[in-house]
Amino acid sequence: MIEKTKYIMFDCGAEVLVITKDESYGVDFAIFKYNPGRSLRERLRLIWRIIRHGEPYTDQMCLGMDKVRDLKNYLDRCLKH
């Protein structure tokens, strides 16, 4: 069984890639800044943005299963070379 959400910390430690399996569409990808020491003001600003716009950042991508297969094939080729 595959987990619904996968978190991958970037090597720099400053951001995290969140991959979520969407049963009705395909796969969602989002990149979030990883900063556990955020100030209260910054946290409230992010909460307001989520309430107002629905997502904290604009770098979220949704890929259908055909694009996911294409991405997988490309990554497999990268690993072989």
PDB file of N, CA and C in Angstrom:
ATOM      1  N   MET A   1       0.851  -1.187   0.000  1.00  0.00           N
ATOM      2  CA  MET A   1       0.000   0.000   0.000  1.00  0.00           C
ATOM      3  C   MET A   1       0.891   1.243   0.000  1.00  0.00           C
ATOM      4  N   ILE A   2       0.563   2.192  -0.828  1.00  0.00           N
ATOM      5  CA  ILE A   2       1.334   3.427  -0.936  1.00  0.00           C
ATOM      6  C   ILE A   2       0.731   4.489  -0.016  1.00  0.00           C
ATOM      7  N   GLU A   3       1.615   5.242   0.652  1.00  0.00           N
ATOM      8  CA  GLU A   3       1.094   6.311   1.496  1.00  0.00           C
ATOM      9  C   GLU A   3       0.522   7.426   0.619  1.00  0.00           C
ATOM     10  N   LYS A   4      -0.488   8.122   1.102  1.00  0.00           N
ATOM     11  CA  LYS A   4      -1.146   9.164   0.321  1.00  0.00           C
ATOM     12  C   LYS A   4      -0.247  10.387   0.144  1.00  0.00           C
ATOM     13  N   THR A   5       0.562  10.720   1.135  1.00  0.00           N
ATOM     14  CA  THR A   5       1.436  11.887   1.067  1.00  0.00           C
ATOM     15  C   THR A   5       2.867  11.494   1.396  1.00  0.00           C
ATOM     16  N   LYS A   6       3.798  12.005   0.585  1.00  0.00           N
ATOM     17  CA  LYS A   6       5.226  11.751   0.768  1.00  0.00           C
ATOM     18  C   LYS A   6       5.935  13.098   0.915  1.00  0.00           C
ATOM     19  N   TYR A   7       6.786  13.210   1.930  1.00  0.00           N
ATOM     20  CA  TYR A   7       7.555  14.427   2.174  1.00  0.00           C
ATOM     21  C   TYR A   7       9.021  14.144   1.871  1.00  0.00           C
ATOM     22  N   ILE A   8       9.617  14.976   1.017  1.00  0.00           N
ATOM     23  CA  ILE A   8      11.025  14.815   0.676  1.00  0.00           C
ATOM     24  C   ILE A   8      11.739  16.126   0.985  1.00  0.00           C
ATOM     25  N   MET A   9      12.635  16.080   1.982  1.00  0.00           N
ATOM     26  CA  MET A   9      13.411  17.257   2.367  1.00  0.00           C
ATOM     27  C   MET A   9      14.496  17.495   1.330  1.00  0.00           C
ATOM     28  N   PHE A  10      14.620  18.735   0.854  1.00  0.00           N
ATOM     29  CA  PHE A  10      15.686  19.070  -0.089  1.00  0.00           C
ATOM     30  C   PHE A  10      17.032  18.963   0.613  1.00  0.00           C
ATOM     31  N   ASP A  11      18.071  18.687  -0.142  1.00  0.00           N
ATOM     32  CA  ASP A  11      19.409  18.537   0.430  1.00  0.00           C
ATOM     33  C   ASP A  11      19.886  19.798   1.141  1.00  0.00           C
ATOM     34  N   CYS A  12      19.423  20.968   0.701  1.00  0.00           N
ATOM     35  CA  CYS A  12      19.819  22.224   1.348  1.00  0.00           C
ATOM     36  C   CYS A  12      19.155  22.380   2.711  1.00  0.00           C
ATOM     37  N   GLY A  13      18.073  21.635   2.962  1.00  0.00           N
ATOM     38  CA  GLY A  13      17.375  21.692   4.242  1.00  0.00           C
ATOM     39  C   GLY A  13      16.433  22.874   4.385  1.00  0.00           C
ATOM     40  N   ALA A  14      16.305  23.694   3.342  1.00  0.00           N
ATOM     41  CA  ALA A  14      15.476  24.893   3.436  1.00  0.00           C
ATOM     42  C   ALA A  14      14.059  24.699   2.912  1.00  0.00           C
ATOM     43  N   GLU A  15      13.828  23.647   2.119  1.00  0.00           N
ATOM     44  CA  GLU A  15      12.514  23.437   1.530  1.00  0.00           C
ATOM     45  C   GLU A  15      12.172  21.951   1.558  1.00  0.00           C
ATOM     46  N   VAL A  16      10.899  21.674   1.394  1.00  0.00           N
ATOM     47  CA  VAL A  16      10.434  20.290   1.373  1.00  0.00           C
ATOM     48  C   VAL A  16       9.475  20.137   0.194  1.00  0.00           C
ATOM     49  N   LEU A  17       9.600  19.017  -0.511  1.00  0.00           N
ATOM     50  CA  LEU A  17       8.701  18.672  -1.603  1.00  0.00           C
ATOM     51  C   LEU A  17       7.613  17.770  -1.022  1.00  0.00           C
ATOM     52  N   VAL A  18       6.364  18.157  -1.225  1.00  0.00           N
ATOM     53  CA  VAL A  18       5.229  17.372  -0.740  1.00  0.00           C
ATOM     54  C   VAL A  18       4.526  16.781  -1.957  1.00  0.00           C
ATOM     55  N   ILE A  19       4.453  15.453  -2.003  1.00  0.00           N
ATOM     56  CA  ILE A  19       3.817  14.752  -3.110  1.00  0.00           C
ATOM     57  C   ILE A  19       2.570  14.069  -2.556  1.00  0.00           C
ATOM     58  N   THR A  20       1.413  14.382  -3.133  1.00  0.00           N
ATOM     59  CA  THR A  20       0.143  13.839  -2.646  1.00  0.00           C
ATOM     60  C   THR A  20      -0.576  13.112  -3.774  1.00  0.00           C
ATOM     61  N   LYS A  21      -0.967  11.884  -3.529  1.00  0.00           N
ATOM     62  CA  LYS A  21      -1.730  11.097  -4.496  1.00  0.00           C
ATOM     63  C   LYS A  21      -3.175  11.537  -4.444  1.00  0.00           C
ATOM     64  N   ASP A  22      -3.688  12.004  -5.575  1.00  0.00           N
ATOM     65  CA  ASP A  22      -5.074  12.439  -5.700  1.00  0.00           C
ATOM     66  C   ASP A  22      -5.821  11.367  -6.480  1.00  0.00           C
ATOM     67  N   GLU A  23      -6.680  10.632  -5.811  1.00  0.00           N
ATOM     68  CA  GLU A  23      -7.362   9.486  -6.426  1.00  0.00           C
ATOM     69  C   GLU A  23      -8.183   9.871  -7.649  1.00  0.00           C
ATOM     70  N   SER A  24      -8.716  11.087  -7.682  1.00  0.00           N
ATOM     71  CA  SER A  24      -9.592  11.476  -8.785  1.00  0.00           C
ATOM     72  C   SER A  24      -8.835  12.044  -9.977  1.00  0.00           C
ATOM     73  N   TYR A  25      -7.564  12.420  -9.799  1.00  0.00           N
ATOM     74  CA  TYR A  25      -6.869  13.090 -10.888  1.00  0.00           C
ATOM     75  C   TYR A  25      -5.511  12.476 -11.211  1.00  0.00           C
ATOM     76  N   GLY A  26      -4.629  12.444 -10.237  1.00  0.00           N
ATOM     77  CA  GLY A  26      -3.270  11.981 -10.474  1.00  0.00           C
ATOM     78  C   GLY A  26      -2.410  12.242  -9.253  1.00  0.00           C
ATOM     79  N   VAL A  27      -1.443  13.139  -9.393  1.00  0.00           N
ATOM     80  CA  VAL A  27      -0.518  13.438  -8.315  1.00  0.00           C
ATOM     81  C   VAL A  27      -0.320  14.946  -8.216  1.00  0.00           C
ATOM     82  N   ASP A  28      -0.328  15.467  -6.981  1.00  0.00           N
ATOM     83  CA  ASP A  28      -0.067  16.884  -6.725  1.00  0.00           C
ATOM     84  C   ASP A  28       1.340  17.028  -6.157  1.00  0.00           C
ATOM     85  N   PHE A  29       2.056  18.037  -6.625  1.00  0.00           N
ATOM     86  CA  PHE A  29       3.383  18.366  -6.118  1.00  0.00           C
ATOM     87  C   PHE A  29       3.347  19.783  -5.578  1.00  0.00           C
ATOM     88  N   ALA A  30       3.955  20.006  -4.431  1.00  0.00           N
ATOM     89  CA  ALA A  30       4.051  21.355  -3.875  1.00  0.00           C
ATOM     90  C   ALA A  30       5.395  21.486  -3.154  1.00  0.00           C
ATOM     91  N   ILE A  31       5.963  22.666  -3.221  1.00  0.00           N
ATOM     92  CA  ILE A  31       7.222  22.946  -2.533  1.00  0.00           C
ATOM     93  C   ILE A  31       6.934  23.970  -1.447  1.00  0.00           C
ATOM     94  N   PHE A  32       7.356  23.662  -0.232  1.00  0.00           N
ATOM     95  CA  PHE A  32       7.157  24.558   0.895  1.00  0.00           C
ATOM     96  C   PHE A  32       8.490  24.872   1.544  1.00  0.00           C
ATOM     97  N   LYS A  33       8.629  26.083   1.998  1.00  0.00           N
ATOM     98  CA  LYS A  33       9.817  26.446   2.759  1.00  0.00           C
ATOM     99  C   LYS A  33       9.739  25.761   4.116  1.00  0.00           C
ATOM    100  N   TYR A  34      10.851  25.194   4.538  1.00  0.00           N
ATOM    101  CA  TYR A  34      10.908  24.518   5.822  1.00  0.00           C
ATOM    102  C   TYR A  34      11.579  25.462   6.800  1.00  0.00           C
ATOM    103  N   ASN A  35      10.808  25.971   7.728  1.00  0.00           N
ATOM    104  CA  ASN A  35      11.336  26.916   8.698  1.00  0.00           C
ATOM    105  C   ASN A  35      10.564  26.761  10.003  1.00  0.00           C
ATOM    106  N   PRO A  36      10.972  25.820  10.850  1.00  0.00           N
ATOM    107  CA  PRO A  36      10.226  25.608  12.096  1.00  0.00           C
ATOM    108  C   PRO A  36      10.321  26.792  13.062  1.00  0.00           C
ATOM    109  N   GLY A  37      11.246  27.717  12.841  1.00  0.00           N
ATOM    110  CA  GLY A  37      11.405  28.865  13.734  1.00  0.00           C
ATOM    111  C   GLY A  37      10.711  30.122  13.239  1.00  0.00           C
ATOM    112  N   ARG A  38       9.620  29.986  12.475  1.00  0.00           N
ATOM    113  CA  ARG A  38       8.908  31.152  11.956  1.00  0.00           C
ATOM    114  C   ARG A  38       8.327  31.975  13.092  1.00  0.00           C
ATOM    115  N   SER A  39       8.329  33.272  12.879  1.00  0.00           N
ATOM    116  CA  SER A  39       7.738  34.164  13.886  1.00  0.00           C
ATOM    117  C   SER A  39       6.220  34.043  13.855  1.00  0.00           C
ATOM    118  N   LEU A  40       5.579  34.479  14.922  1.00  0.00           N
ATOM    119  CA  LEU A  40       4.120  34.456  14.990  1.00  0.00           C
ATOM    120  C   LEU A  40       3.529  35.299  13.869  1.00  0.00           C
ATOM    121  N   ARG A  41       4.137  36.421  13.577  1.00  0.00           N
ATOM    122  CA  ARG A  41       3.640  37.302  12.506  1.00  0.00           C
ATOM    123  C   ARG A  41       3.665  36.581  11.154  1.00  0.00           C
ATOM    124  N   GLU A  42       4.773  35.887  10.861  1.00  0.00           N
ATOM    125  CA  GLU A  42       4.872  35.170   9.589  1.00  0.00           C
ATOM    126  C   GLU A  42       3.865  34.030   9.525  1.00  0.00           C
ATOM    127  N   ARG A  43       3.666  33.321  10.624  1.00  0.00           N
ATOM    128  CA  ARG A  43       2.674  32.245  10.653  1.00  0.00           C
ATOM    129  C   ARG A  43       1.271  32.775  10.399  1.00  0.00           C
ATOM    130  N   LEU A  44       0.927  33.902  11.022  1.00  0.00           N
ATOM    131  CA  LEU A  44      -0.400  34.500  10.816  1.00  0.00           C
ATOM    132  C   LEU A  44      -0.574  34.967   9.373  1.00  0.00           C
ATOM    133  N   ARG A  45       0.507  35.492   8.781  1.00  0.00           N
ATOM    134  CA  ARG A  45       0.448  35.927   7.381  1.00  0.00           C
ATOM    135  C   ARG A  45       0.169  34.727   6.470  1.00  0.00           C
ATOM    136  N   LEU A  46       0.830  33.604   6.727  1.00  0.00           N
ATOM    137  CA  LEU A  46       0.595  32.410   5.925  1.00  0.00           C
ATOM    138  C   LEU A  46      -0.822  31.865   6.128  1.00  0.00           C
ATOM    139  N   ILE A  47      -1.288  31.891   7.370  1.00  0.00           N
ATOM    140  CA  ILE A  47      -2.657  31.429   7.650  1.00  0.00           C
ATOM    141  C   ILE A  47      -3.662  32.286   6.899  1.00  0.00           C
ATOM    142  N   TRP A  48      -3.470  33.604   6.908  1.00  0.00           N
ATOM    143  CA  TRP A  48      -4.373  34.521   6.190  1.00  0.00           C
ATOM    144  C   TRP A  48      -4.352  34.219   4.688  1.00  0.00           C
ATOM    145  N   ARG A  49      -3.173  33.963   4.147  1.00  0.00           N
ATOM    146  CA  ARG A  49      -3.067  33.654   2.720  1.00  0.00           C
ATOM    147  C   ARG A  49      -3.824  32.363   2.387  1.00  0.00           C
ATOM    148  N   ILE A  50      -3.715  31.360   3.263  1.00  0.00           N
ATOM    149  CA  ILE A  50      -4.432  30.107   3.032  1.00  0.00           C
ATOM    150  C   ILE A  50      -5.941  30.340   3.091  1.00  0.00           C
ATOM    151  N   ILE A  51      -6.400  31.114   4.058  1.00  0.00           N
ATOM    152  CA  ILE A  51      -7.836  31.407   4.186  1.00  0.00           C
ATOM    153  C   ILE A  51      -8.337  32.165   2.964  1.00  0.00           C
ATOM    154  N   ARG A  52      -7.560  33.124   2.521  1.00  0.00           N
ATOM    155  CA  ARG A  52      -7.991  33.996   1.422  1.00  0.00           C
ATOM    156  C   ARG A  52      -7.873  33.334   0.054  1.00  0.00           C
ATOM    157  N   HIS A  53      -6.768  32.608  -0.186  1.00  0.00           N
ATOM    158  CA  HIS A  53      -6.499  32.059  -1.519  1.00  0.00           C
ATOM    159  C   HIS A  53      -6.584  30.536  -1.587  1.00  0.00           C
ATOM    160  N   GLY A  54      -6.605  29.861  -0.459  1.00  0.00           N
ATOM    161  CA  GLY A  54      -6.726  28.411  -0.449  1.00  0.00           C
ATOM    162  C   GLY A  54      -5.400  27.666  -0.408  1.00  0.00           C
ATOM    163  N   GLU A  55      -4.324  28.270  -0.855  1.00  0.00           N
ATOM    164  CA  GLU A  55      -3.009  27.643  -0.852  1.00  0.00           C
ATOM    165  C   GLU A  55      -1.979  28.681  -0.413  1.00  0.00           C
ATOM    166  N   PRO A  56      -0.974  28.264   0.334  1.00  0.00           N
ATOM    167  CA  PRO A  56       0.009  29.244   0.802  1.00  0.00           C
ATOM    168  C   PRO A  56       0.991  29.703  -0.263  1.00  0.00           C
ATOM    169  N   TYR A  57       1.177  28.927  -1.312  1.00  0.00           N
ATOM    170  CA  TYR A  57       2.149  29.271  -2.350  1.00  0.00           C
ATOM    171  C   TYR A  57       1.542  28.992  -3.717  1.00  0.00           C
ATOM    172  N   THR A  58       2.162  29.536  -4.758  1.00  0.00           N
ATOM    173  CA  THR A  58       1.649  29.337  -6.116  1.00  0.00           C
ATOM    174  C   THR A  58       2.452  28.306  -6.892  1.00  0.00           C
ATOM    175  N   ASP A  59       3.328  27.580  -6.222  1.00  0.00           N
ATOM    176  CA  ASP A  59       4.167  26.628  -6.941  1.00  0.00           C
ATOM    177  C   ASP A  59       3.642  25.197  -6.851  1.00  0.00           C
ATOM    178  N   GLN A  60       2.354  25.052  -6.698  1.00  0.00           N
ATOM    179  CA  GLN A  60       1.760  23.722  -6.637  1.00  0.00           C
ATOM    180  C   GLN A  60       1.432  23.267  -8.053  1.00  0.00           C
ATOM    181  N   MET A  61       1.716  21.990  -8.355  1.00  0.00           N
ATOM    182  CA  MET A  61       1.459  21.433  -9.681  1.00  0.00           C
ATOM    183  C   MET A  61       0.611  20.180  -9.544  1.00  0.00           C
ATOM    184  N   CYS A  62      -0.289  19.996 -10.472  1.00  0.00           N
ATOM    185  CA  CYS A  62      -1.107  18.792 -10.517  1.00  0.00           C
ATOM    186  C   CYS A  62      -0.809  18.091 -11.835  1.00  0.00           C
ATOM    187  N   LEU A  63      -0.444  16.820 -11.757  1.00  0.00           N
ATOM    188  CA  LEU A  63      -0.144  16.047 -12.954  1.00  0.00           C
ATOM    189  C   LEU A  63      -1.090  14.864 -13.055  1.00  0.00           C
ATOM    190  N   GLY A  64      -1.642  14.677 -14.251  1.00  0.00           N
ATOM    191  CA  GLY A  64      -2.440  13.490 -14.513  1.00  0.00           C
ATOM    192  C   GLY A  64      -1.529  12.277 -14.589  1.00  0.00           C
ATOM    193  N   MET A  65      -2.121  11.108 -14.572  1.00  0.00           N
ATOM    194  CA  MET A  65      -1.326   9.878 -14.503  1.00  0.00           C
ATOM    195  C   MET A  65      -0.425   9.704 -15.721  1.00  0.00           C
ATOM    196  N   ASP A  66      -0.830  10.174 -16.902  1.00  0.00           N
ATOM    197  CA  ASP A  66       0.037  10.058 -18.077  1.00  0.00           C
ATOM    198  C   ASP A  66       1.305  10.892 -17.911  1.00  0.00           C
ATOM    199  N   LYS A  67       1.183  12.073 -17.322  1.00  0.00           N
ATOM    200  CA  LYS A  67       2.348  12.926 -17.067  1.00  0.00           C
ATOM    201  C   LYS A  67       3.209  12.343 -15.944  1.00  0.00           C
ATOM    202  N   VAL A  68       2.570  11.700 -14.971  1.00  0.00           N
ATOM    203  CA  VAL A  68       3.318  11.061 -13.884  1.00  0.00           C
ATOM    204  C   VAL A  68       4.179   9.928 -14.457  1.00  0.00           C
ATOM    205  N   ARG A  69       3.615   9.142 -15.376  1.00  0.00           N
ATOM    206  CA  ARG A  69       4.385   8.064 -16.007  1.00  0.00           C
ATOM    207  C   ARG A  69       5.565   8.629 -16.797  1.00  0.00           C
ATOM    208  N   ASP A  70       5.330   9.720 -17.514  1.00  0.00           N
ATOM    209  CA  ASP A  70       6.389  10.368 -18.275  1.00  0.00           C
ATOM    210  C   ASP A  70       7.501  10.860 -17.339  1.00  0.00           C
ATOM    211  N   LEU A  71       7.122  11.477 -16.232  1.00  0.00           N
ATOM    212  CA  LEU A  71       8.095  11.945 -15.246  1.00  0.00           C
ATOM    213  C   LEU A  71       8.872  10.764 -14.655  1.00  0.00           C
ATOM    214  N   LYS A  72       8.179   9.697 -14.345  1.00  0.00           N
ATOM    215  CA  LYS A  72       8.831   8.495 -13.801  1.00  0.00           C
ATOM    216  C   LYS A  72       9.854   7.945 -14.788  1.00  0.00           C
ATOM    217  N   ASN A  73       9.470   7.849 -16.055  1.00  0.00           N
ATOM    218  CA  ASN A  73      10.394   7.336 -17.071  1.00  0.00           C
ATOM    219  C   ASN A  73      11.634   8.223 -17.182  1.00  0.00           C
ATOM    220  N   TYR A  74      11.434   9.519 -17.140  1.00  0.00           N
ATOM    221  CA  TYR A  74      12.561  10.444 -17.204  1.00  0.00           C
ATOM    222  C   TYR A  74      13.488  10.271 -15.991  1.00  0.00           C
ATOM    223  N   LEU A  75      12.913  10.180 -14.803  1.00  0.00           N
ATOM    224  CA  LEU A  75      13.726  10.000 -13.583  1.00  0.00           C
ATOM    225  C   LEU A  75      14.455   8.654 -13.603  1.00  0.00           C
ATOM    226  N   ASP A  76      13.794   7.625 -14.111  1.00  0.00           N
ATOM    227  CA  ASP A  76      14.459   6.318 -14.236  1.00  0.00           C
ATOM    228  C   ASP A  76      15.667   6.423 -15.150  1.00  0.00           C
ATOM    229  N   ARG A  77      15.528   7.143 -16.276  1.00  0.00           N
ATOM    230  CA  ARG A  77      16.656   7.317 -17.184  1.00  0.00           C
ATOM    231  C   ARG A  77      17.775   8.117 -16.516  1.00  0.00           C
ATOM    232  N   CYS A  78      17.420   9.105 -15.721  1.00  0.00           N
ATOM    233  CA  CYS A  78      18.441   9.898 -14.997  1.00  0.00           C
ATOM    234  C   CYS A  78      19.229   9.012 -14.030  1.00  0.00           C
ATOM    235  N   LEU A  79      18.541   8.101 -13.361  1.00  0.00           N
ATOM    236  CA  LEU A  79      19.215   7.213 -12.412  1.00  0.00           C
ATOM    237  C   LEU A  79      20.154   6.226 -13.101  1.00  0.00           C
ATOM    238  N   LYS A  80      19.851   5.849 -14.331  1.00  0.00           N
ATOM    239  CA  LYS A  80      20.682   4.886 -15.058  1.00  0.00           C
ATOM    240  C   LYS A  80      21.951   5.522 -15.603  1.00  0.00           C
ATOM    241  N   HIS A  81      21.969   6.818 -15.808  1.00  0.00           N
ATOM    242  CA  HIS A  81      23.140   7.485 -16.411  1.00  0.00           C
ATOM    243  C   HIS A  81      23.889   8.276 -15.403  1.00  0.00           C
TER     244      HIS A  81
END
